[in-house]
Amino acid sequence: MSIFTKVGEAAAAATNNDGGAQESPIVSFKSGSTFKVGVKSVFNVAEYYGYSIYKKVNTFVPKNPPTRNARGYIDANPTVWDEAASLLYADADKAKKAGATEDAVKKITDEAYLYRGKQRFLRAFFDLTTGKDIVVDLSPKQEKTLKAVIEKYAKKLGTIAFELTKTGAGTNAVVALSPIIDMDEDLTEEERKNFAKLADAEFDFAAFETCLYVADEEEQTKNLVIAGFDIGRLGLSIGASASNAQTPSDNDAPLDITEEDLPF
């Protein structure tokens, strides 16, 4: 079962890893980032559902992800994180029926939301500085913004370079993809040479598999402990190893969803 829910054309429509020895094309896309890029296709994108808690648990995808319907709701095979979220939503429902205040109920539902898988997108571009494919991680809103620009220039992708940027902070972060009108003036000689190679090779979709950190159920359970959830409520235990559990290192978990990526 793939870690991606949609790839290529299907993923592009969604907005209406162990890594191995292969070098990952994922790049940091923080506020202030700027890349001069070419676009090979509007369909060089993959949708996934990532799990994380900001500053506690780095983003991961489950080794055996749940199956989801067309609207993204889980049909079968929920992860332990999904089960934790369901328990908390049930707690909120009970509290509401028992007469709890709106604020008290919201506090529980807000906690439940933290454990849900969040829709994310990986989109590939061709970096004109390095002459290599790169991949950036995007929220649904950000992906929709970039896809709209690519679709607008779909018939001219082989002749137009773009500037990919991210500005602002927190929930005010903005991504943009702007066509470079004067490529002779605004691109270096090396960048123009690399742009000429844009159509030499299609993007290798297998590269997406190297961009995400994949966690099996044991690690997901440990991450629940790190997040502060009582795994005993799920009938789970991890013994003494729980006290030694650590969040993934930056090298092991290249993606971390931050406040810049909210709302999802």
C-alpha atoms as a PDB file:
ATOM      1  CA  MET A   1       0.000   0.000   0.000  1.00  0.00           C
ATOM      2  CA  SER A   2       1.445   3.376  -0.992  1.00  0.00           C
ATOM      3  CA  ILE A   3       1.990   6.121   1.576  1.00  0.00           C
ATOM      4  CA  PHE A   4       0.360   8.515  -0.896  1.00  0.00           C
ATOM      5  CA  THR A   5      -3.386   8.755  -1.260  1.00  0.00           C
ATOM      6  CA  LYS A   6      -3.159  10.347  -4.709  1.00  0.00           C
ATOM      7  CA  VAL A   7      -0.301  10.848  -7.187  1.00  0.00           C
ATOM      8  CA  GLY A   8      -0.009  12.786 -10.418  1.00  0.00           C
ATOM      9  CA  GLU A   9      -3.228  13.859 -12.107  1.00  0.00           C
ATOM     10  CA  ALA A  10      -5.394  12.560  -9.254  1.00  0.00           C
ATOM     11  CA  ALA A  11      -3.417  14.569  -6.688  1.00  0.00           C
ATOM     12  CA  ALA A  12      -3.625  17.709  -8.808  1.00  0.00           C
ATOM     13  CA  ALA A  13      -7.395  17.339  -8.763  1.00  0.00           C
ATOM     14  CA  ALA A  14      -7.569  16.925  -5.001  1.00  0.00           C
ATOM     15  CA  THR A  15      -7.562  20.678  -4.298  1.00  0.00           C
ATOM     16  CA  ASN A  16     -11.043  21.689  -6.169  1.00  0.00           C
ATOM     17  CA  ASN A  17       9.959   6.741   3.623  1.00  0.00           C
ATOM     18  CA  ASP A  18      12.541   4.696   4.297  1.00  0.00           C
ATOM     19  CA  GLY A  19      14.629   6.643   1.804  1.00  0.00           C
ATOM     20  CA  GLY A  20      17.023   3.883   0.833  1.00  0.00           C
ATOM     21  CA  ALA A  21      20.207   4.986  -0.865  1.00  0.00           C
ATOM     22  CA  GLN A  22      18.483   7.433  -3.206  1.00  0.00           C
ATOM     23  CA  GLU A  23      19.123  11.116  -2.545  1.00  0.00           C
ATOM     24  CA  SER A  24      15.921  12.862  -1.540  1.00  0.00           C
ATOM     25  CA  PRO A  25      14.896  15.906  -3.608  1.00  0.00           C
ATOM     26  CA  ILE A  26      13.000  17.481  -0.692  1.00  0.00           C
ATOM     27  CA  VAL A  27      14.167  21.007   0.131  1.00  0.00           C
ATOM     28  CA  SER A  28      13.464  23.326   3.020  1.00  0.00           C
ATOM     29  CA  PHE A  29      10.691  25.747   2.086  1.00  0.00           C
ATOM     30  CA  LYS A  30      10.593  28.181   4.979  1.00  0.00           C
ATOM     31  CA  SER A  31       9.535  31.809   4.932  1.00  0.00           C
ATOM     32  CA  GLY A  32      12.058  33.800   2.913  1.00  0.00           C
ATOM     33  CA  SER A  33      12.797  30.946   0.507  1.00  0.00           C
ATOM     34  CA  THR A  34      13.279  31.779  -3.172  1.00  0.00           C
ATOM     35  CA  PHE A  35      13.936  29.362  -6.035  1.00  0.00           C
ATOM     36  CA  LYS A  36      14.194  29.928  -9.770  1.00  0.00           C
ATOM     37  CA  VAL A  37      12.475  26.925 -11.281  1.00  0.00           C
ATOM     38  CA  GLY A  38      11.055  25.286 -14.340  1.00  0.00           C
ATOM     39  CA  VAL A  39       7.829  23.289 -14.262  1.00  0.00           C
ATOM     40  CA  LYS A  40       7.715  19.974 -16.098  1.00  0.00           C
ATOM     41  CA  SER A  41       4.045  19.210 -15.532  1.00  0.00           C
ATOM     42  CA  VAL A  42       1.034  20.278 -13.490  1.00  0.00           C
ATOM     43  CA  PHE A  43       0.733  16.629 -12.481  1.00  0.00           C
ATOM     44  CA  ASN A  44       4.116  16.344 -10.717  1.00  0.00           C
ATOM     45  CA  VAL A  45       2.437  16.270  -7.313  1.00  0.00           C
ATOM     46  CA  ALA A  46       1.516  13.770  -4.615  1.00  0.00           C
ATOM     47  CA  GLU A  47      -1.089  13.998  -1.862  1.00  0.00           C
ATOM     48  CA  TYR A  48      -0.472  12.447   1.548  1.00  0.00           C
ATOM     49  CA  TYR A  49      -1.771  12.652   5.102  1.00  0.00           C
ATOM     50  CA  GLY A  50       0.872  13.566   7.664  1.00  0.00           C
ATOM     51  CA  TYR A  51       0.730  13.194  11.440  1.00  0.00           C
ATOM     52  CA  SER A  52       2.605  15.513  13.790  1.00  0.00           C
ATOM     53  CA  ILE A  53       2.370  17.773  16.801  1.00  0.00           C
ATOM     54  CA  TYR A  54       4.284  21.015  16.520  1.00  0.00           C
ATOM     55  CA  LYS A  55       7.484  21.038  18.593  1.00  0.00           C
ATOM     56  CA  LYS A  56       6.719  17.567  19.984  1.00  0.00           C
ATOM     57  CA  VAL A  57       6.499  15.029  17.190  1.00  0.00           C
ATOM     58  CA  ASN A  58       7.956  15.595  13.732  1.00  0.00           C
ATOM     59  CA  THR A  59       5.809  14.836  10.718  1.00  0.00           C
ATOM     60  CA  PHE A  60       5.508  11.175   9.778  1.00  0.00           C
ATOM     61  CA  VAL A  61       3.377   9.020   7.528  1.00  0.00           C
ATOM     62  CA  PRO A  62       2.184   5.600   8.724  1.00  0.00           C
ATOM     63  CA  LYS A  63       3.780   2.521   7.220  1.00  0.00           C
ATOM     64  CA  ASN A  64       0.290   1.068   6.802  1.00  0.00           C
ATOM     65  CA  PRO A  65      -1.895   4.119   6.157  1.00  0.00           C
ATOM     66  CA  PRO A  66      -5.665   4.071   6.525  1.00  0.00           C
ATOM     67  CA  THR A  67      -7.858   3.891   3.453  1.00  0.00           C
ATOM     68  CA  ARG A  68      -9.750   7.083   2.774  1.00  0.00           C
ATOM     69  CA  ASN A  69     -12.739   7.966   0.636  1.00  0.00           C
ATOM     70  CA  ALA A  70     -12.792  10.699  -1.993  1.00  0.00           C
ATOM     71  CA  ARG A  71     -13.413  13.327   0.687  1.00  0.00           C
ATOM     72  CA  GLY A  72     -10.458  12.195   2.792  1.00  0.00           C
ATOM     73  CA  TYR A  73     -12.463  10.479   5.528  1.00  0.00           C
ATOM     74  CA  ILE A  74     -11.136   7.169   6.834  1.00  0.00           C
ATOM     75  CA  ASP A  75     -12.967   4.080   5.593  1.00  0.00           C
ATOM     76  CA  ALA A  76     -10.791   1.398   7.181  1.00  0.00           C
ATOM     77  CA  ASN A  77      -7.478   0.602   8.853  1.00  0.00           C
ATOM     78  CA  PRO A  78      -7.178   3.640  11.151  1.00  0.00           C
ATOM     79  CA  THR A  79      -3.788   4.259  12.732  1.00  0.00           C
ATOM     80  CA  VAL A  80      -3.320   4.415  16.490  1.00  0.00           C
ATOM     81  CA  TRP A  81      -3.238   8.193  16.096  1.00  0.00           C
ATOM     82  CA  ASP A  82      -6.617   8.133  14.356  1.00  0.00           C
ATOM     83  CA  GLU A  83      -7.963   5.941  17.172  1.00  0.00           C
ATOM     84  CA  ALA A  84      -6.650   8.423  19.731  1.00  0.00           C
ATOM     85  CA  ALA A  85      -8.428  11.242  17.908  1.00  0.00           C
ATOM     86  CA  SER A  86     -11.665   9.248  17.795  1.00  0.00           C
ATOM     87  CA  LEU A  87     -11.522   8.639  21.545  1.00  0.00           C
ATOM     88  CA  LEU A  88     -11.086  12.332  22.231  1.00  0.00           C
ATOM     89  CA  TYR A  89     -13.907  13.314  19.884  1.00  0.00           C
ATOM     90  CA  ALA A  90     -16.090  10.803  21.754  1.00  0.00           C
ATOM     91  CA  ASP A  91     -15.017  12.439  25.026  1.00  0.00           C
ATOM     92  CA  ALA A  92     -16.067  15.817  23.637  1.00  0.00           C
ATOM     93  CA  ASP A  93     -19.445  14.446  22.605  1.00  0.00           C
ATOM     94  CA  LYS A  94     -20.013  12.987  26.074  1.00  0.00           C
ATOM     95  CA  ALA A  95     -18.968  16.239  27.705  1.00  0.00           C
ATOM     96  CA  LYS A  96     -21.361  18.202  25.508  1.00  0.00           C
ATOM     97  CA  LYS A  97     -24.269  15.889  26.326  1.00  0.00           C
ATOM     98  CA  ALA A  98     -23.389  16.169  30.019  1.00  0.00           C
ATOM     99  CA  GLY A  99     -23.767  19.947  29.851  1.00  0.00           C
ATOM    100  CA  ALA A 100     -20.130  21.047  29.641  1.00  0.00           C
ATOM    101  CA  THR A 101     -19.456  24.599  28.502  1.00  0.00           C
ATOM    102  CA  GLU A 102     -18.672  25.335  24.880  1.00  0.00           C
ATOM    103  CA  ASP A 103     -15.088  26.260  25.829  1.00  0.00           C
ATOM    104  CA  ALA A 104     -14.615  23.000  27.706  1.00  0.00           C
ATOM    105  CA  VAL A 105     -15.858  20.975  24.753  1.00  0.00           C
ATOM    106  CA  LYS A 106     -13.693  22.951  22.315  1.00  0.00           C
ATOM    107  CA  LYS A 107     -10.620  22.248  24.417  1.00  0.00           C
ATOM    108  CA  ILE A 108     -11.198  18.524  23.924  1.00  0.00           C
ATOM    109  CA  THR A 109     -11.947  18.762  20.204  1.00  0.00           C
ATOM    110  CA  ASP A 110      -8.871  20.931  19.684  1.00  0.00           C
ATOM    111  CA  GLU A 111      -6.761  18.215  21.302  1.00  0.00           C
ATOM    112  CA  ALA A 112      -8.452  15.540  19.176  1.00  0.00           C
ATOM    113  CA  TYR A 113      -7.640  17.490  16.019  1.00  0.00           C
ATOM    114  CA  LEU A 114      -3.934  17.348  16.846  1.00  0.00           C
ATOM    115  CA  TYR A 115      -3.900  13.567  16.397  1.00  0.00           C
ATOM    116  CA  ARG A 116      -5.690  13.500  13.052  1.00  0.00           C
ATOM    117  CA  GLY A 117      -3.817  13.027   9.790  1.00  0.00           C
ATOM    118  CA  LYS A 118      -3.620  16.329   7.903  1.00  0.00           C
ATOM    119  CA  GLN A 119      -3.828  16.559   4.130  1.00  0.00           C
ATOM    120  CA  ARG A 120      -0.519  17.683   2.619  1.00  0.00           C
ATOM    121  CA  PHE A 121       1.032  17.866  -0.843  1.00  0.00           C
ATOM    122  CA  LEU A 122       4.492  17.314  -2.271  1.00  0.00           C
ATOM    123  CA  ARG A 123       5.083  19.188  -5.528  1.00  0.00           C
ATOM    124  CA  ALA A 124       8.107  18.836  -7.775  1.00  0.00           C
ATOM    125  CA  PHE A 125       9.936  21.612  -9.616  1.00  0.00           C
ATOM    126  CA  PHE A 126      13.148  21.772 -11.658  1.00  0.00           C
ATOM    127  CA  ASP A 127      15.712  23.928  -9.839  1.00  0.00           C
ATOM    128  CA  LEU A 128      17.496  26.095 -12.398  1.00  0.00           C
ATOM    129  CA  THR A 129      20.392  26.794 -10.049  1.00  0.00           C
ATOM    130  CA  THR A 130      21.337  23.148  -9.548  1.00  0.00           C
ATOM    131  CA  GLY A 131      19.818  21.604 -12.665  1.00  0.00           C
ATOM    132  CA  LYS A 132      18.050  19.032 -10.487  1.00  0.00           C
ATOM    133  CA  ASP A 133      14.479  18.232  -9.540  1.00  0.00           C
ATOM    134  CA  ILE A 134      13.413  19.526  -6.123  1.00  0.00           C
ATOM    135  CA  VAL A 135      10.312  18.866  -4.037  1.00  0.00           C
ATOM    136  CA  VAL A 136       8.540  21.243  -1.649  1.00  0.00           C
ATOM    137  CA  ASP A 137       5.968  20.358   1.006  1.00  0.00           C
ATOM    138  CA  LEU A 138       2.715  22.317   0.880  1.00  0.00           C
ATOM    139  CA  SER A 139      -0.559  22.797   2.704  1.00  0.00           C
ATOM    140  CA  PRO A 140      -3.729  22.334   0.599  1.00  0.00           C
ATOM    141  CA  LYS A 141      -4.167  26.111   0.327  1.00  0.00           C
ATOM    142  CA  GLN A 142      -0.577  26.572  -0.823  1.00  0.00           C
ATOM    143  CA  GLU A 143      -0.844  23.737  -3.361  1.00  0.00           C
ATOM    144  CA  LYS A 144      -4.051  25.206  -4.747  1.00  0.00           C
ATOM    145  CA  THR A 145      -2.330  28.577  -5.208  1.00  0.00           C
ATOM    146  CA  LEU A 146       0.645  27.122  -7.072  1.00  0.00           C
ATOM    147  CA  LYS A 147      -1.434  24.744  -9.159  1.00  0.00           C
ATOM    148  CA  ALA A 148      -3.609  27.614 -10.400  1.00  0.00           C
ATOM    149  CA  VAL A 149      -0.546  29.422 -11.751  1.00  0.00           C
ATOM    150  CA  ILE A 150       0.834  26.277 -13.395  1.00  0.00           C
ATOM    151  CA  GLU A 151      -2.508  25.587 -15.040  1.00  0.00           C
ATOM    152  CA  LYS A 152      -2.664  29.150 -16.321  1.00  0.00           C
ATOM    153  CA  TYR A 153       0.656  28.711 -18.127  1.00  0.00           C
ATOM    154  CA  ALA A 154       0.226  25.005 -18.891  1.00  0.00           C
ATOM    155  CA  LYS A 155       0.778  25.426 -22.632  1.00  0.00           C
ATOM    156  CA  LYS A 156       3.933  27.498 -22.122  1.00  0.00           C
ATOM    157  CA  LEU A 157       5.765  25.496 -19.453  1.00  0.00           C
ATOM    158  CA  GLY A 158       8.542  24.666 -21.893  1.00  0.00           C
ATOM    159  CA  THR A 159       9.240  28.328 -22.582  1.00  0.00           C
ATOM    160  CA  ILE A 160       8.691  30.091 -19.249  1.00  0.00           C
ATOM    161  CA  ALA A 161      10.736  29.919 -16.054  1.00  0.00           C
ATOM    162  CA  PHE A 162       9.274  30.852 -12.678  1.00  0.00           C
ATOM    163  CA  GLU A 163      10.278  32.269  -9.326  1.00  0.00           C
ATOM    164  CA  LEU A 164       8.963  30.199  -6.409  1.00  0.00           C
ATOM    165  CA  THR A 165       8.786  32.090  -3.128  1.00  0.00           C
ATOM    166  CA  LYS A 166       7.467  31.904   0.395  1.00  0.00           C
ATOM    167  CA  THR A 167       7.032  35.079   2.447  1.00  0.00           C
ATOM    168  CA  GLY A 168       5.412  36.133   5.703  1.00  0.00           C
ATOM    169  CA  ALA A 169       5.195  34.266   8.972  1.00  0.00           C
ATOM    170  CA  GLY A 170       2.772  32.055  10.831  1.00  0.00           C
ATOM    171  CA  THR A 171      -0.727  31.894   9.385  1.00  0.00           C
ATOM    172  CA  ASN A 172       0.148  34.896   7.197  1.00  0.00           C
ATOM    173  CA  ALA A 173       2.751  32.948   5.219  1.00  0.00           C
ATOM    174  CA  VAL A 174       2.189  33.209   1.468  1.00  0.00           C
ATOM    175  CA  VAL A 175       3.573  31.069  -1.352  1.00  0.00           C
ATOM    176  CA  ALA A 176       3.800  32.391  -4.899  1.00  0.00           C
ATOM    177  CA  LEU A 177       4.870  31.200  -8.320  1.00  0.00           C
ATOM    178  CA  SER A 178       5.620  34.114 -10.645  1.00  0.00           C
ATOM    179  CA  PRO A 179       6.653  33.852 -14.308  1.00  0.00           C
ATOM    180  CA  ILE A 180      10.054  35.298 -15.146  1.00  0.00           C
ATOM    181  CA  ILE A 181       9.270  37.602 -18.062  1.00  0.00           C
ATOM    182  CA  ASP A 182      12.811  38.442 -19.200  1.00  0.00           C
ATOM    183  CA  MET A 183      14.780  35.211 -18.919  1.00  0.00           C
ATOM    184  CA  ASP A 184      17.814  36.715 -20.684  1.00  0.00           C
ATOM    185  CA  GLU A 185      18.115  39.418 -18.042  1.00  0.00           C
ATOM    186  CA  ASP A 186      16.818  37.661 -14.924  1.00  0.00           C
ATOM    187  CA  LEU A 187      18.511  34.271 -15.326  1.00  0.00           C
ATOM    188  CA  THR A 188      22.222  33.633 -15.229  1.00  0.00           C
ATOM    189  CA  GLU A 189      23.906  31.867 -18.130  1.00  0.00           C
ATOM    190  CA  GLU A 190      24.042  28.661 -16.078  1.00  0.00           C
ATOM    191  CA  GLU A 191      20.348  28.936 -15.185  1.00  0.00           C
ATOM    192  CA  ARG A 192      19.450  29.403 -18.855  1.00  0.00           C
ATOM    193  CA  LYS A 193      21.525  26.330 -19.747  1.00  0.00           C
ATOM    194  CA  ASN A 194      19.706  24.317 -17.088  1.00  0.00           C
ATOM    195  CA  PHE A 195      16.331  25.559 -18.309  1.00  0.00           C
ATOM    196  CA  ALA A 196      17.201  24.186 -21.736  1.00  0.00           C
ATOM    197  CA  LYS A 197      17.428  20.750 -20.073  1.00  0.00           C
ATOM    198  CA  LEU A 198      13.898  21.008 -18.617  1.00  0.00           C
ATOM    199  CA  ALA A 199      12.370  18.519 -21.026  1.00  0.00           C
ATOM    200  CA  ASP A 200      15.316  16.097 -21.040  1.00  0.00           C
ATOM    201  CA  ALA A 201      13.780  13.797 -18.414  1.00  0.00           C
ATOM    202  CA  GLU A 202      10.377  13.463 -16.813  1.00  0.00           C
ATOM    203  CA  PHE A 203      10.129  13.697 -13.038  1.00  0.00           C
ATOM    204  CA  ASP A 204      10.642  10.324 -11.354  1.00  0.00           C
ATOM    205  CA  PHE A 205       7.595   9.801  -9.137  1.00  0.00           C
ATOM    206  CA  ALA A 206       9.538   7.230  -7.095  1.00  0.00           C
ATOM    207  CA  ALA A 207      11.522  10.170  -5.695  1.00  0.00           C
ATOM    208  CA  PHE A 208       8.461  11.213  -3.679  1.00  0.00           C
ATOM    209  CA  GLU A 209       8.900   8.054  -1.599  1.00  0.00           C
ATOM    210  CA  THR A 210      12.220   9.413  -0.262  1.00  0.00           C
ATOM    211  CA  CYS A 211      10.727  12.690   0.959  1.00  0.00           C
ATOM    212  CA  LEU A 212       8.727  11.512   3.971  1.00  0.00           C
ATOM    213  CA  TYR A 213       9.522   9.835   7.262  1.00  0.00           C
ATOM    214  CA  VAL A 214       7.664   6.525   7.564  1.00  0.00           C
ATOM    215  CA  ALA A 215       6.743   5.210  11.027  1.00  0.00           C
ATOM    216  CA  ASP A 216       5.512   1.714  11.854  1.00  0.00           C
ATOM    217  CA  GLU A 217       2.853   1.166  14.517  1.00  0.00           C
ATOM    218  CA  GLU A 218       5.407   0.714  17.303  1.00  0.00           C
ATOM    219  CA  GLU A 219       6.980   4.076  16.582  1.00  0.00           C
ATOM    220  CA  GLN A 220       3.567   5.704  16.186  1.00  0.00           C
ATOM    221  CA  THR A 221       2.685   4.406  19.647  1.00  0.00           C
ATOM    222  CA  LYS A 222       5.890   5.828  21.105  1.00  0.00           C
ATOM    223  CA  ASN A 223       5.094   9.141  19.436  1.00  0.00           C
ATOM    224  CA  LEU A 224       1.695   9.136  21.153  1.00  0.00           C
ATOM    225  CA  VAL A 225       3.497   8.875  24.487  1.00  0.00           C
ATOM    226  CA  ILE A 226       5.770  11.772  23.505  1.00  0.00           C
ATOM    227  CA  ALA A 227       2.691  13.780  22.563  1.00  0.00           C
ATOM    228  CA  GLY A 228       1.192  13.142  26.002  1.00  0.00           C
ATOM    229  CA  PHE A 229      -1.638  10.775  25.099  1.00  0.00           C
ATOM    230  CA  ASP A 230      -2.548   7.972  27.530  1.00  0.00           C
ATOM    231  CA  ILE A 231      -1.996   4.940  25.291  1.00  0.00           C
ATOM    232  CA  GLY A 232      -3.540   2.732  27.980  1.00  0.00           C
ATOM    233  CA  ARG A 233      -6.899   4.014  26.750  1.00  0.00           C
ATOM    234  CA  LEU A 234      -6.176   2.183  23.507  1.00  0.00           C
ATOM    235  CA  GLY A 235      -5.105  -0.952  25.322  1.00  0.00           C
ATOM    236  CA  LEU A 236      -1.485  -0.306  24.354  1.00  0.00           C
ATOM    237  CA  SER A 237       1.784  -0.282  26.270  1.00  0.00           C
ATOM    238  CA  ILE A 238       5.414  -0.005  25.280  1.00  0.00           C
ATOM    239  CA  GLY A 239       7.110  -0.752  28.590  1.00  0.00           C
ATOM    240  CA  ALA A 240      10.378   0.805  29.652  1.00  0.00           C
ATOM    241  CA  SER A 241      11.229   1.920  26.141  1.00  0.00           C
ATOM    242  CA  ALA A 242       8.635   4.652  26.365  1.00  0.00           C
ATOM    243  CA  SER A 243      10.751   6.705  28.730  1.00  0.00           C
ATOM    244  CA  ASN A 244      13.615   6.619  26.220  1.00  0.00           C
ATOM    245  CA  ALA A 245      11.534   7.536  23.186  1.00  0.00           C
ATOM    246  CA  GLN A 246      12.735  10.543  21.256  1.00  0.00           C
ATOM    247  CA  THR A 247      11.275  12.660  18.545  1.00  0.00           C
ATOM    248  CA  PRO A 248      12.854  11.937  15.154  1.00  0.00           C
ATOM    249  CA  SER A 249      16.047  13.822  14.470  1.00  0.00           C
ATOM    250  CA  ASP A 250      16.158  16.491  11.768  1.00  0.00           C
ATOM    251  CA  ASN A 251      18.052  14.080   9.534  1.00  0.00           C
ATOM    252  CA  ASP A 252      15.533  11.287  10.011  1.00  0.00           C
ATOM    253  CA  ALA A 253      12.437  13.448   9.680  1.00  0.00           C
ATOM    254  CA  PRO A 254      12.963  16.121   7.031  1.00  0.00           C
ATOM    255  CA  LEU A 255       9.471  17.556   7.236  1.00  0.00           C
ATOM    256  CA  ASP A 256       7.948  19.334  10.203  1.00  0.00           C
ATOM    257  CA  ILE A 257       4.592  21.047   9.986  1.00  0.00           C
ATOM    258  CA  THR A 258       4.829  24.375  11.778  1.00  0.00           C
ATOM    259  CA  GLU A 259       2.562  27.296  12.495  1.00  0.00           C
ATOM    260  CA  GLU A 260       3.455  28.653   9.032  1.00  0.00           C
ATOM    261  CA  ASP A 261       1.502  25.784   7.476  1.00  0.00           C
ATOM    262  CA  LEU A 262      -1.732  26.372   9.396  1.00  0.00           C
ATOM    263  CA  PRO A 263      -4.606  26.312   8.729  1.00  0.00           C
ATOM    264  CA  PHE A 264      -4.487  23.048   6.819  1.00  0.00           C
END
